[in-house]
Amino acid sequence: MNRLPDKEFLEMLGGYRRDRREKVEGLTVAGLLMFGSGLAIRDEFDNIFMDYRNETDADDETRWVDRITYDGTWENNLFNFFRKLPVYFK
């Protein structure tokens, strides 16, 4: 279990950074994409779209067997997106 405060934990992961020269600190792009809110991510990257399609048994009539994309029921960031995928990689 992680016992670090959130900010220190994010720093250890590379998701938060202090720029001592510029005297600013905040989320890195990686931190924003991984743990940010979907709205904040879309404000920064207007063309981002998380989409997974299982095309394992697809054929000419079936484009994909199952699909995971943002549907409004979960916070749209990479952490939550990848948490939805393991069911396909067992």
Protein backbone atom coordinates (compact mmCIF):
# COMPACT_ATOMS: atom_id res chain seq x y z
CA MET A 1 0.00 0.00 0.00
CA ASN A 2 1.27 3.46 -0.84
CA ARG A 3 1.79 5.63 2.23
CA LEU A 4 3.03 8.75 0.45
CA PRO A 5 0.86 11.85 0.23
CA ASP A 6 -0.80 12.19 -3.19
CA LYS A 7 1.51 14.95 -4.41
CA GLU A 8 4.69 13.03 -3.50
CA PHE A 9 3.30 9.86 -5.01
CA LEU A 10 2.57 11.67 -8.28
CA GLU A 11 6.11 13.13 -8.25
CA MET A 12 7.57 9.63 -7.89
CA LEU A 13 5.51 8.48 -10.89
CA GLY A 14 6.49 11.49 -13.02
CA GLY A 15 2.98 12.89 -12.96
CA TYR A 16 3.80 16.04 -11.02
CA ARG A 17 6.84 18.26 -11.38
CA ARG A 18 8.46 21.36 -9.94
CA ASP A 19 10.40 23.53 -12.36
CA ARG A 20 12.89 25.28 -10.11
CA ARG A 21 14.10 27.64 -12.85
CA GLU A 22 10.64 28.88 -13.79
CA LYS A 23 9.39 28.54 -10.20
CA VAL A 24 6.22 26.74 -11.26
CA GLU A 25 4.83 23.37 -10.37
CA GLY A 26 1.95 21.22 -11.51
CA LEU A 27 0.82 18.15 -13.37
CA THR A 28 2.92 16.90 -16.24
CA VAL A 29 1.25 15.89 -19.49
CA ALA A 30 1.61 12.28 -18.34
CA GLY A 31 -0.04 13.07 -15.00
CA LEU A 32 -2.90 14.87 -16.68
CA LEU A 33 -3.57 12.07 -19.17
CA MET A 34 -3.24 9.33 -16.57
CA PHE A 35 -5.14 10.81 -13.63
CA GLY A 36 -6.81 14.05 -14.78
CA SER A 37 -10.49 14.64 -15.21
CA GLY A 38 -11.90 14.00 -18.65
CA LEU A 39 -12.90 17.63 -18.99
CA ALA A 40 -9.40 18.90 -18.15
CA ILE A 41 -7.88 16.41 -20.60
CA ARG A 42 -10.22 17.50 -23.39
CA ASP A 43 -9.47 21.17 -22.62
CA GLU A 44 -5.78 20.47 -23.28
CA PHE A 45 -6.14 17.88 -26.07
CA ASP A 46 -9.27 18.50 -28.10
CA ASN A 47 -8.86 15.46 -30.37
CA ILE A 48 -8.28 12.77 -27.74
CA PHE A 49 -10.56 9.75 -27.97
CA MET A 50 -10.01 6.58 -25.94
CA ASP A 51 -11.36 3.61 -27.85
CA TYR A 52 -10.66 -0.13 -27.75
CA ARG A 53 -12.20 -2.60 -30.15
CA ASN A 54 -11.87 -6.35 -29.79
CA GLU A 55 -11.57 -7.52 -33.38
CA THR A 56 -10.41 -11.06 -32.55
CA ASP A 57 -13.37 -12.87 -34.13
CA ALA A 58 -14.47 -10.10 -36.46
CA ASP A 59 -15.33 -10.90 -40.05
CA ASP A 60 -16.59 -9.05 -43.11
CA GLU A 61 -20.02 -8.55 -41.56
CA THR A 62 -18.90 -7.80 -37.98
CA ARG A 63 -16.60 -4.82 -37.46
CA TRP A 64 -15.77 -5.75 -33.86
CA VAL A 65 -16.90 -8.19 -31.21
CA ASP A 66 -16.83 -5.79 -28.27
CA ARG A 67 -15.87 -2.16 -27.78
CA ILE A 68 -14.83 0.03 -24.87
CA THR A 69 -15.16 3.76 -25.35
CA TYR A 70 -16.20 6.63 -23.13
CA ASP A 71 -19.90 6.36 -22.30
CA GLY A 72 -20.24 8.84 -19.43
CA THR A 73 -20.24 6.23 -16.64
CA TRP A 74 -16.54 6.57 -15.71
CA GLU A 75 -13.96 9.35 -15.50
CA ASN A 76 -12.31 9.54 -18.91
CA ASN A 77 -8.57 9.23 -18.20
CA LEU A 78 -5.97 6.59 -19.07
CA PHE A 79 -5.94 5.03 -15.60
CA ASN A 80 -9.66 4.27 -15.70
CA PHE A 81 -9.56 3.31 -19.39
CA PHE A 82 -6.87 0.68 -18.84
CA ARG A 83 -8.65 -0.63 -15.74
CA LYS A 84 -11.56 -1.56 -18.00
CA LEU A 85 -9.36 -3.56 -20.42
CA PRO A 86 -7.90 -6.49 -18.39
CA VAL A 87 -11.01 -8.56 -18.98
CA TYR A 88 -9.84 -8.84 -22.60
CA PHE A 89 -6.26 -9.81 -21.82
CA LYS A 90 -6.72 -12.82 -19.53
